[in-house]
Each structure stands twice: as C-alpha cells, then as structure tokens.
Amino acid sequence: MNTDLAGLMEALRRTLSDAVAPELTSDVARGQLAAVHDILGKLAGMAVWDPQPLQAQATALREGTRRFAERVARAGLSLPAAPEAADLPGAEARVRELTDWLDQQGPSLPRDTEVELDTILLHALREQLLIERKRIPLTDFSAMTAAASKD
C-alpha cells in the first residue's frame, strides 16, 4: 500500500461526500456524516508525522528533570544515575524514575523540599502536555451526540 494515512483519510472523506451524502434523507444522518467528516479531516492533520512536537515534549521533560536533579543536589541528596534521554520515551522513563524516587524518599525529606520537587515534576509534565495538546484539534461531537440523545 503506497497511500499514506492522511491520504487514505482524505479518500474516505471524498467517498463520504460523493457517494454517501447524496443518499442521506434525514437530518440526523446528515449531522452524523458531517461530524464524521470533521473528525476524519482533523485526524488526517494529526496523522502527519512531525518530529518537532515530540522533540519539544522531550525538551520540556529533560528541563524538568534537570531542575529536579539540581534541587536534589542542593538538598545534599543524590539520584540514581541515568544517561540523559535523547528522545521522548527516554525522557518519560526518567520522569517515572524520579517520581518513584520522590515517592520513596518523600517521607524522609523536609516537607518544603518534597513539595518543591513534586512541583518541579508537575510543571514538567504540564509543559509536555501543553505541547501535545496543541497538536490535537478540538472536535465538536455535538452533531453525533445530539442524534444519540434523541433515541
């Protein structure tokens, strides 16, 4: 198969518009089709692979783990050694390791240190999520759910 995913979704949208839409007689069915058409269009845009958002997510997590390590060092503690993650899965794995470390060490740390470390991890995760969410277009499912609620 030589068609990429975005091209396949566009072909599905054309088929729905050209072959299915003319056969629909009810407003409910047309609303359902419009919603599916919208979702396929948005998925097609999301299916185009772009490494920049993934790199930005990894950078946000690496920055968070760097700040976490600096704060741990200022507290006179040490973390398990780990190479710097070059990709998003590695950065996510390091955040999981640091979260586990904090869960284990937290009760023995001064409360303000524990809270600050937790805040650093939360901030890094929030930054990563914001980058990811920018790639996901909002979809209006109201046309589909309105039809379901009439049943």
N, C-alpha and C. Protein backbone atom coordinates (compact mmCIF):
# COMPACT_ATOMS: atom_id res chain seq x y z
N MET A 1 0.85 -1.17 0.00
CA MET A 1 0.00 0.00 0.00
C MET A 1 0.89 1.23 0.00
N ASN A 2 0.74 2.09 -0.98
CA ASN A 2 1.56 3.27 -1.11
C ASN A 2 0.89 4.53 -0.60
N THR A 3 -0.36 4.45 -0.19
CA THR A 3 -1.09 5.62 0.28
C THR A 3 -0.75 5.87 1.75
N ASP A 4 -0.41 7.11 2.08
CA ASP A 4 -0.16 7.42 3.47
C ASP A 4 -1.49 7.57 4.21
N LEU A 5 -1.43 7.59 5.52
CA LEU A 5 -2.63 7.62 6.33
C LEU A 5 -3.47 8.88 6.06
N ALA A 6 -2.82 10.03 5.95
CA ALA A 6 -3.56 11.27 5.68
C ALA A 6 -4.26 11.18 4.32
N GLY A 7 -3.60 10.62 3.33
CA GLY A 7 -4.22 10.46 2.01
C GLY A 7 -5.39 9.50 2.05
N LEU A 8 -5.26 8.44 2.82
CA LEU A 8 -6.35 7.48 2.98
C LEU A 8 -7.57 8.15 3.62
N MET A 9 -7.34 8.95 4.64
CA MET A 9 -8.45 9.64 5.30
C MET A 9 -9.11 10.63 4.36
N GLU A 10 -8.33 11.30 3.55
CA GLU A 10 -8.90 12.24 2.58
C GLU A 10 -9.74 11.48 1.56
N ALA A 11 -9.30 10.31 1.14
CA ALA A 11 -10.08 9.49 0.21
C ALA A 11 -11.40 9.06 0.86
N LEU A 12 -11.36 8.72 2.13
CA LEU A 12 -12.59 8.37 2.85
C LEU A 12 -13.55 9.56 2.90
N ARG A 13 -13.02 10.74 3.15
CA ARG A 13 -13.86 11.94 3.20
C ARG A 13 -14.51 12.20 1.84
N ARG A 14 -13.74 12.05 0.76
CA ARG A 14 -14.30 12.26 -0.59
C ARG A 14 -15.39 11.25 -0.88
N THR A 15 -15.16 9.99 -0.50
CA THR A 15 -16.16 8.95 -0.72
C THR A 15 -17.43 9.26 0.05
N LEU A 16 -17.28 9.68 1.29
CA LEU A 16 -18.46 10.04 2.08
C LEU A 16 -19.22 11.19 1.43
N SER A 17 -18.50 12.19 0.96
CA SER A 17 -19.14 13.35 0.34
C SER A 17 -19.78 13.00 -1.00
N ASP A 18 -19.08 12.23 -1.81
CA ASP A 18 -19.55 11.96 -3.17
C ASP A 18 -20.58 10.83 -3.24
N ALA A 19 -20.39 9.79 -2.45
CA ALA A 19 -21.25 8.61 -2.58
C ALA A 19 -22.29 8.47 -1.48
N VAL A 20 -21.95 8.86 -0.27
CA VAL A 20 -22.86 8.63 0.85
C VAL A 20 -23.79 9.82 1.06
N ALA A 21 -23.26 11.03 1.06
CA ALA A 21 -24.07 12.21 1.36
C ALA A 21 -25.31 12.33 0.47
N PRO A 22 -25.21 12.10 -0.85
CA PRO A 22 -26.41 12.24 -1.68
C PRO A 22 -27.52 11.24 -1.35
N GLU A 23 -27.18 10.15 -0.69
CA GLU A 23 -28.17 9.12 -0.37
C GLU A 23 -28.86 9.35 0.97
N LEU A 24 -28.38 10.29 1.73
CA LEU A 24 -28.95 10.51 3.07
C LEU A 24 -30.22 11.35 2.97
N THR A 25 -31.24 10.91 3.69
CA THR A 25 -32.51 11.63 3.63
C THR A 25 -32.88 12.32 4.93
N SER A 26 -32.28 11.92 6.03
CA SER A 26 -32.68 12.52 7.31
C SER A 26 -31.63 13.52 7.81
N ASP A 27 -32.11 14.49 8.56
CA ASP A 27 -31.20 15.48 9.16
C ASP A 27 -30.25 14.81 10.14
N VAL A 28 -30.73 13.81 10.85
CA VAL A 28 -29.89 13.10 11.81
C VAL A 28 -28.71 12.44 11.09
N ALA A 29 -29.00 11.75 10.01
CA ALA A 29 -27.94 11.08 9.25
C ALA A 29 -26.96 12.10 8.67
N ARG A 30 -27.47 13.21 8.16
CA ARG A 30 -26.58 14.24 7.61
C ARG A 30 -25.71 14.84 8.72
N GLY A 31 -26.27 15.01 9.90
CA GLY A 31 -25.49 15.51 11.04
C GLY A 31 -24.39 14.54 11.44
N GLN A 32 -24.73 13.26 11.43
CA GLN A 32 -23.74 12.23 11.74
C GLN A 32 -22.61 12.26 10.71
N LEU A 33 -22.99 12.36 9.45
CA LEU A 33 -21.99 12.40 8.38
C LEU A 33 -21.10 13.63 8.51
N ALA A 34 -21.68 14.77 8.81
CA ALA A 34 -20.89 15.99 8.97
C ALA A 34 -19.89 15.84 10.11
N ALA A 35 -20.31 15.23 11.19
CA ALA A 35 -19.41 15.03 12.33
C ALA A 35 -18.27 14.07 11.97
N VAL A 36 -18.59 12.98 11.30
CA VAL A 36 -17.56 12.03 10.89
C VAL A 36 -16.60 12.69 9.90
N HIS A 37 -17.13 13.46 8.99
CA HIS A 37 -16.31 14.19 8.01
C HIS A 37 -15.33 15.12 8.74
N ASP A 38 -15.82 15.85 9.73
CA ASP A 38 -14.99 16.75 10.52
C ASP A 38 -13.89 16.00 11.26
N ILE A 39 -14.25 14.91 11.89
CA ILE A 39 -13.28 14.12 12.65
C ILE A 39 -12.20 13.55 11.73
N LEU A 40 -12.60 13.02 10.58
CA LEU A 40 -11.61 12.47 9.65
C LEU A 40 -10.65 13.56 9.16
N GLY A 41 -11.18 14.75 8.92
CA GLY A 41 -10.31 15.85 8.49
C GLY A 41 -9.29 16.21 9.55
N LYS A 42 -9.72 16.22 10.79
CA LYS A 42 -8.80 16.57 11.88
C LYS A 42 -7.80 15.44 12.13
N LEU A 43 -8.25 14.21 12.03
CA LEU A 43 -7.33 13.09 12.20
C LEU A 43 -6.28 13.07 11.09
N ALA A 44 -6.68 13.43 9.88
CA ALA A 44 -5.72 13.46 8.77
C ALA A 44 -4.59 14.44 9.08
N GLY A 45 -4.93 15.58 9.64
CA GLY A 45 -3.90 16.56 10.01
C GLY A 45 -3.02 16.07 11.13
N MET A 46 -3.59 15.32 12.06
CA MET A 46 -2.81 14.79 13.17
C MET A 46 -1.91 13.63 12.76
N ALA A 47 -2.28 12.94 11.68
CA ALA A 47 -1.54 11.76 11.26
C ALA A 47 -0.24 12.10 10.55
N VAL A 48 -0.07 13.34 10.16
CA VAL A 48 1.17 13.75 9.51
C VAL A 48 2.26 13.78 10.57
N TRP A 49 3.29 12.99 10.39
CA TRP A 49 4.32 12.87 11.40
C TRP A 49 5.25 14.08 11.35
N ASP A 50 5.40 14.69 12.50
CA ASP A 50 6.28 15.85 12.62
C ASP A 50 7.12 15.65 13.88
N PRO A 51 8.43 15.56 13.76
CA PRO A 51 9.25 15.28 14.93
C PRO A 51 9.38 16.47 15.89
N GLN A 52 9.08 17.68 15.44
CA GLN A 52 9.30 18.85 16.29
C GLN A 52 8.49 18.82 17.59
N PRO A 53 7.19 18.50 17.55
CA PRO A 53 6.46 18.46 18.83
C PRO A 53 7.01 17.39 19.78
N LEU A 54 7.41 16.25 19.24
CA LEU A 54 7.97 15.21 20.10
C LEU A 54 9.28 15.67 20.73
N GLN A 55 10.09 16.36 19.94
CA GLN A 55 11.35 16.89 20.47
C GLN A 55 11.08 17.96 21.52
N ALA A 56 10.07 18.79 21.28
CA ALA A 56 9.72 19.83 22.25
C ALA A 56 9.21 19.21 23.55
N GLN A 57 8.44 18.13 23.45
CA GLN A 57 7.96 17.45 24.65
C GLN A 57 9.15 16.86 25.42
N ALA A 58 10.06 16.23 24.71
CA ALA A 58 11.24 15.65 25.37
C ALA A 58 12.06 16.74 26.03
N THR A 59 12.20 17.88 25.37
CA THR A 59 12.96 19.00 25.93
C THR A 59 12.31 19.50 27.22
N ALA A 60 11.00 19.61 27.22
CA ALA A 60 10.29 20.07 28.42
C ALA A 60 10.53 19.11 29.58
N LEU A 61 10.49 17.82 29.30
CA LEU A 61 10.73 16.84 30.36
C LEU A 61 12.18 16.84 30.82
N ARG A 62 13.10 16.95 29.86
CA ARG A 62 14.53 16.99 30.24
C ARG A 62 14.83 18.21 31.10
N GLU A 63 14.24 19.36 30.74
CA GLU A 63 14.43 20.57 31.54
C GLU A 63 13.90 20.36 32.96
N GLY A 64 12.75 19.73 33.06
CA GLY A 64 12.20 19.43 34.38
C GLY A 64 13.07 18.48 35.19
N THR A 65 13.59 17.45 34.54
CA THR A 65 14.44 16.51 35.27
C THR A 65 15.76 17.16 35.66
N ARG A 66 16.25 18.09 34.83
CA ARG A 66 17.47 18.83 35.18
C ARG A 66 17.24 19.69 36.42
N ARG A 67 16.12 20.42 36.45
CA ARG A 67 15.80 21.26 37.62
C ARG A 67 15.60 20.39 38.87
N PHE A 68 14.97 19.24 38.68
CA PHE A 68 14.75 18.31 39.78
C PHE A 68 16.10 17.87 40.35
N ALA A 69 17.02 17.46 39.47
CA ALA A 69 18.34 16.99 39.91
C ALA A 69 19.11 18.11 40.61
N GLU A 70 19.00 19.33 40.10
CA GLU A 70 19.67 20.47 40.76
C GLU A 70 19.13 20.68 42.16
N ARG A 71 17.82 20.59 42.32
CA ARG A 71 17.21 20.79 43.63
C ARG A 71 17.59 19.67 44.58
N VAL A 72 17.65 18.45 44.08
CA VAL A 72 18.06 17.31 44.91
C VAL A 72 19.50 17.52 45.37
N ALA A 73 20.37 17.97 44.47
CA ALA A 73 21.78 18.20 44.82
C ALA A 73 21.90 19.31 45.87
N ARG A 74 21.10 20.38 45.74
CA ARG A 74 21.13 21.46 46.74
C ARG A 74 20.69 20.97 48.11
N ALA A 75 19.87 19.93 48.12
CA ALA A 75 19.42 19.35 49.39
C ALA A 75 20.44 18.36 49.94
N GLY A 76 21.55 18.15 49.21
CA GLY A 76 22.60 17.24 49.67
C GLY A 76 22.27 15.78 49.43
N LEU A 77 21.37 15.51 48.53
CA LEU A 77 20.97 14.14 48.22
C LEU A 77 21.50 13.75 46.85
N SER A 78 21.33 12.49 46.51
CA SER A 78 21.75 12.05 45.18
C SER A 78 20.65 11.19 44.56
N LEU A 79 20.64 11.21 43.25
CA LEU A 79 19.68 10.42 42.49
C LEU A 79 20.38 9.24 41.85
N PRO A 80 19.61 8.22 41.50
CA PRO A 80 20.21 7.13 40.73
C PRO A 80 20.72 7.68 39.40
N ALA A 81 21.89 7.26 39.00
CA ALA A 81 22.49 7.75 37.76
C ALA A 81 21.69 7.25 36.56
N ALA A 82 21.60 8.11 35.56
CA ALA A 82 20.93 7.74 34.31
C ALA A 82 21.46 8.64 33.20
N PRO A 83 21.65 8.08 32.02
CA PRO A 83 22.08 8.92 30.91
C PRO A 83 20.95 9.86 30.51
N GLU A 84 21.32 11.02 29.94
CA GLU A 84 20.29 11.95 29.50
C GLU A 84 19.53 11.34 28.34
N ALA A 85 18.22 11.40 28.42
CA ALA A 85 17.37 10.82 27.39
C ALA A 85 17.39 11.70 26.15
N ALA A 86 17.57 11.08 25.01
CA ALA A 86 17.60 11.83 23.76
C ALA A 86 16.22 11.93 23.12
N ASP A 87 15.32 11.03 23.49
CA ASP A 87 14.01 11.01 22.85
C ASP A 87 12.90 11.08 23.89
N LEU A 88 11.68 11.23 23.42
CA LEU A 88 10.54 11.37 24.32
C LEU A 88 10.33 10.14 25.21
N PRO A 89 10.36 8.92 24.68
CA PRO A 89 10.18 7.77 25.58
C PRO A 89 11.24 7.71 26.69
N GLY A 90 12.47 8.06 26.37
CA GLY A 90 13.52 8.07 27.38
C GLY A 90 13.30 9.15 28.43
N ALA A 91 12.86 10.32 27.98
CA ALA A 91 12.57 11.42 28.92
C ALA A 91 11.39 11.05 29.81
N GLU A 92 10.37 10.41 29.23
CA GLU A 92 9.23 9.96 30.04
C GLU A 92 9.66 8.91 31.06
N ALA A 93 10.54 8.00 30.66
CA ALA A 93 11.04 6.98 31.58
C ALA A 93 11.79 7.62 32.74
N ARG A 94 12.58 8.65 32.45
CA ARG A 94 13.33 9.32 33.52
C ARG A 94 12.38 10.02 34.49
N VAL A 95 11.33 10.64 33.98
CA VAL A 95 10.35 11.28 34.86
C VAL A 95 9.69 10.23 35.76
N ARG A 96 9.38 9.06 35.20
CA ARG A 96 8.81 7.98 36.02
C ARG A 96 9.78 7.56 37.12
N GLU A 97 11.07 7.44 36.76
CA GLU A 97 12.09 7.07 37.75
C GLU A 97 12.15 8.11 38.88
N LEU A 98 12.14 9.38 38.50
CA LEU A 98 12.22 10.44 39.51
C LEU A 98 10.96 10.50 40.36
N THR A 99 9.84 10.22 39.75
CA THR A 99 8.58 10.17 40.51
C THR A 99 8.63 9.03 41.52
N ASP A 100 9.11 7.88 41.10
CA ASP A 100 9.25 6.75 42.04
C ASP A 100 10.23 7.09 43.15
N TRP A 101 11.34 7.74 42.79
CA TRP A 101 12.33 8.14 43.79
C TRP A 101 11.69 9.07 44.81
N LEU A 102 10.94 10.05 44.32
CA LEU A 102 10.30 11.00 45.22
C LEU A 102 9.26 10.31 46.10
N ASP A 103 8.53 9.38 45.55
CA ASP A 103 7.55 8.64 46.36
C ASP A 103 8.24 7.87 47.49
N GLN A 104 9.41 7.31 47.20
CA GLN A 104 10.15 6.56 48.21
C GLN A 104 10.83 7.47 49.23
N GLN A 105 11.43 8.56 48.76
CA GLN A 105 12.19 9.45 49.62
C GLN A 105 11.33 10.52 50.30
N GLY A 106 10.19 10.81 49.73
CA GLY A 106 9.36 11.90 50.20
C GLY A 106 9.15 11.97 51.71
N PRO A 107 8.76 10.88 52.34
CA PRO A 107 8.51 10.94 53.79
C PRO A 107 9.74 11.32 54.62
N SER A 108 10.93 11.06 54.10
CA SER A 108 12.14 11.39 54.86
C SER A 108 12.70 12.77 54.53
N LEU A 109 12.13 13.44 53.53
CA LEU A 109 12.59 14.77 53.14
C LEU A 109 11.87 15.85 53.94
N PRO A 110 12.53 17.01 54.11
CA PRO A 110 11.79 18.14 54.67
C PRO A 110 10.57 18.43 53.79
N ARG A 111 9.46 18.77 54.41
CA ARG A 111 8.20 18.95 53.68
C ARG A 111 8.34 19.96 52.53
N ASP A 112 9.02 21.08 52.75
CA ASP A 112 9.14 22.08 51.69
C ASP A 112 9.96 21.56 50.51
N THR A 113 10.96 20.73 50.78
CA THR A 113 11.75 20.13 49.70
C THR A 113 10.90 19.15 48.90
N GLU A 114 10.15 18.33 49.59
CA GLU A 114 9.28 17.37 48.93
C GLU A 114 8.26 18.08 48.03
N VAL A 115 7.66 19.14 48.55
CA VAL A 115 6.67 19.90 47.79
C VAL A 115 7.32 20.55 46.57
N GLU A 116 8.50 21.11 46.76
CA GLU A 116 9.18 21.77 45.65
C GLU A 116 9.55 20.76 44.55
N LEU A 117 10.03 19.60 44.94
CA LEU A 117 10.38 18.57 43.96
C LEU A 117 9.13 18.08 43.22
N ASP A 118 8.07 17.89 43.96
CA ASP A 118 6.81 17.47 43.34
C ASP A 118 6.32 18.54 42.35
N THR A 119 6.44 19.79 42.72
CA THR A 119 6.03 20.89 41.85
C THR A 119 6.86 20.93 40.58
N ILE A 120 8.15 20.67 40.70
CA ILE A 120 9.02 20.65 39.51
C ILE A 120 8.56 19.57 38.54
N LEU A 121 8.26 18.37 39.06
CA LEU A 121 7.80 17.29 38.18
C LEU A 121 6.44 17.62 37.56
N LEU A 122 5.54 18.15 38.36
CA LEU A 122 4.22 18.52 37.83
C LEU A 122 4.33 19.57 36.74
N HIS A 123 5.20 20.55 36.95
CA HIS A 123 5.38 21.59 35.95
C HIS A 123 5.93 21.01 34.64
N ALA A 124 6.89 20.11 34.74
CA ALA A 124 7.46 19.49 33.53
C ALA A 124 6.40 18.68 32.79
N LEU A 125 5.60 17.94 33.53
CA LEU A 125 4.54 17.15 32.90
C LEU A 125 3.48 18.05 32.26
N ARG A 126 3.16 19.14 32.93
CA ARG A 126 2.18 20.09 32.39
C ARG A 126 2.71 20.71 31.09
N GLU A 127 3.98 21.08 31.08
CA GLU A 127 4.58 21.65 29.87
C GLU A 127 4.53 20.65 28.71
N GLN A 128 4.85 19.41 29.01
CA GLN A 128 4.80 18.37 27.98
C GLN A 128 3.38 18.21 27.45
N LEU A 129 2.41 18.20 28.35
CA LEU A 129 1.01 18.03 27.94
C LEU A 129 0.52 19.21 27.10
N LEU A 130 0.93 20.41 27.46
CA LEU A 130 0.53 21.58 26.67
C LEU A 130 1.03 21.48 25.24
N ILE A 131 2.24 21.02 25.08
CA ILE A 131 2.81 20.85 23.73
C ILE A 131 2.02 19.79 22.97
N GLU A 132 1.70 18.69 23.63
CA GLU A 132 0.94 17.62 22.99
C GLU A 132 -0.46 18.09 22.61
N ARG A 133 -1.11 18.82 23.49
CA ARG A 133 -2.49 19.27 23.24
C ARG A 133 -2.58 20.24 22.07
N LYS A 134 -1.52 20.98 21.81
CA LYS A 134 -1.53 21.91 20.68
C LYS A 134 -1.67 21.17 19.35
N ARG A 135 -1.27 19.91 19.31
CA ARG A 135 -1.37 19.12 18.08
C ARG A 135 -2.75 18.51 17.89
N ILE A 136 -3.56 18.53 18.92
CA ILE A 136 -4.85 17.86 18.87
C ILE A 136 -5.94 18.91 18.67
N PRO A 137 -6.53 18.96 17.48
CA PRO A 137 -7.58 19.96 17.24
C PRO A 137 -8.83 19.60 18.02
N LEU A 138 -9.56 20.62 18.42
CA LEU A 138 -10.82 20.40 19.11
C LEU A 138 -11.84 19.88 18.11
N THR A 139 -12.63 18.92 18.53
CA THR A 139 -13.65 18.34 17.68
C THR A 139 -15.00 18.56 18.34
N ASP A 140 -15.96 18.98 17.56
CA ASP A 140 -17.30 19.19 18.04
C ASP A 140 -18.11 17.92 17.81
N PHE A 141 -18.36 17.19 18.87
CA PHE A 141 -19.11 15.95 18.77
C PHE A 141 -20.62 16.18 18.94
N SER A 142 -21.04 17.43 19.03
CA SER A 142 -22.44 17.70 19.34
C SER A 142 -23.39 17.15 18.29
N ALA A 143 -23.00 17.16 17.02
CA ALA A 143 -23.88 16.62 15.99
C ALA A 143 -24.12 15.14 16.19
N MET A 144 -23.10 14.42 16.61
CA MET A 144 -23.24 12.99 16.82
C MET A 144 -24.00 12.70 18.11
N THR A 145 -23.70 13.43 19.16
CA THR A 145 -24.36 13.15 20.44
C THR A 145 -25.79 13.63 20.46
N ALA A 146 -26.11 14.67 19.69
CA ALA A 146 -27.48 15.15 19.63
C ALA A 146 -28.39 14.06 19.06
N ALA A 147 -27.91 13.37 18.04
CA ALA A 147 -28.70 12.30 17.45
C ALA A 147 -28.88 11.14 18.42
N ALA A 148 -27.83 10.85 19.18
CA ALA A 148 -27.91 9.75 20.14
C ALA A 148 -28.86 10.08 21.27
N SER A 149 -28.94 11.35 21.67
CA SER A 149 -29.80 11.71 22.79
C SER A 149 -31.27 11.73 22.41
N LYS A 150 -31.59 11.75 21.11
CA LYS A 150 -32.99 11.74 20.67
C LYS A 150 -33.59 10.34 20.75
N ASP A 151 -32.73 9.34 20.85
CA ASP A 151 -33.22 7.95 20.87
C ASP A 151 -33.86 7.58 22.18
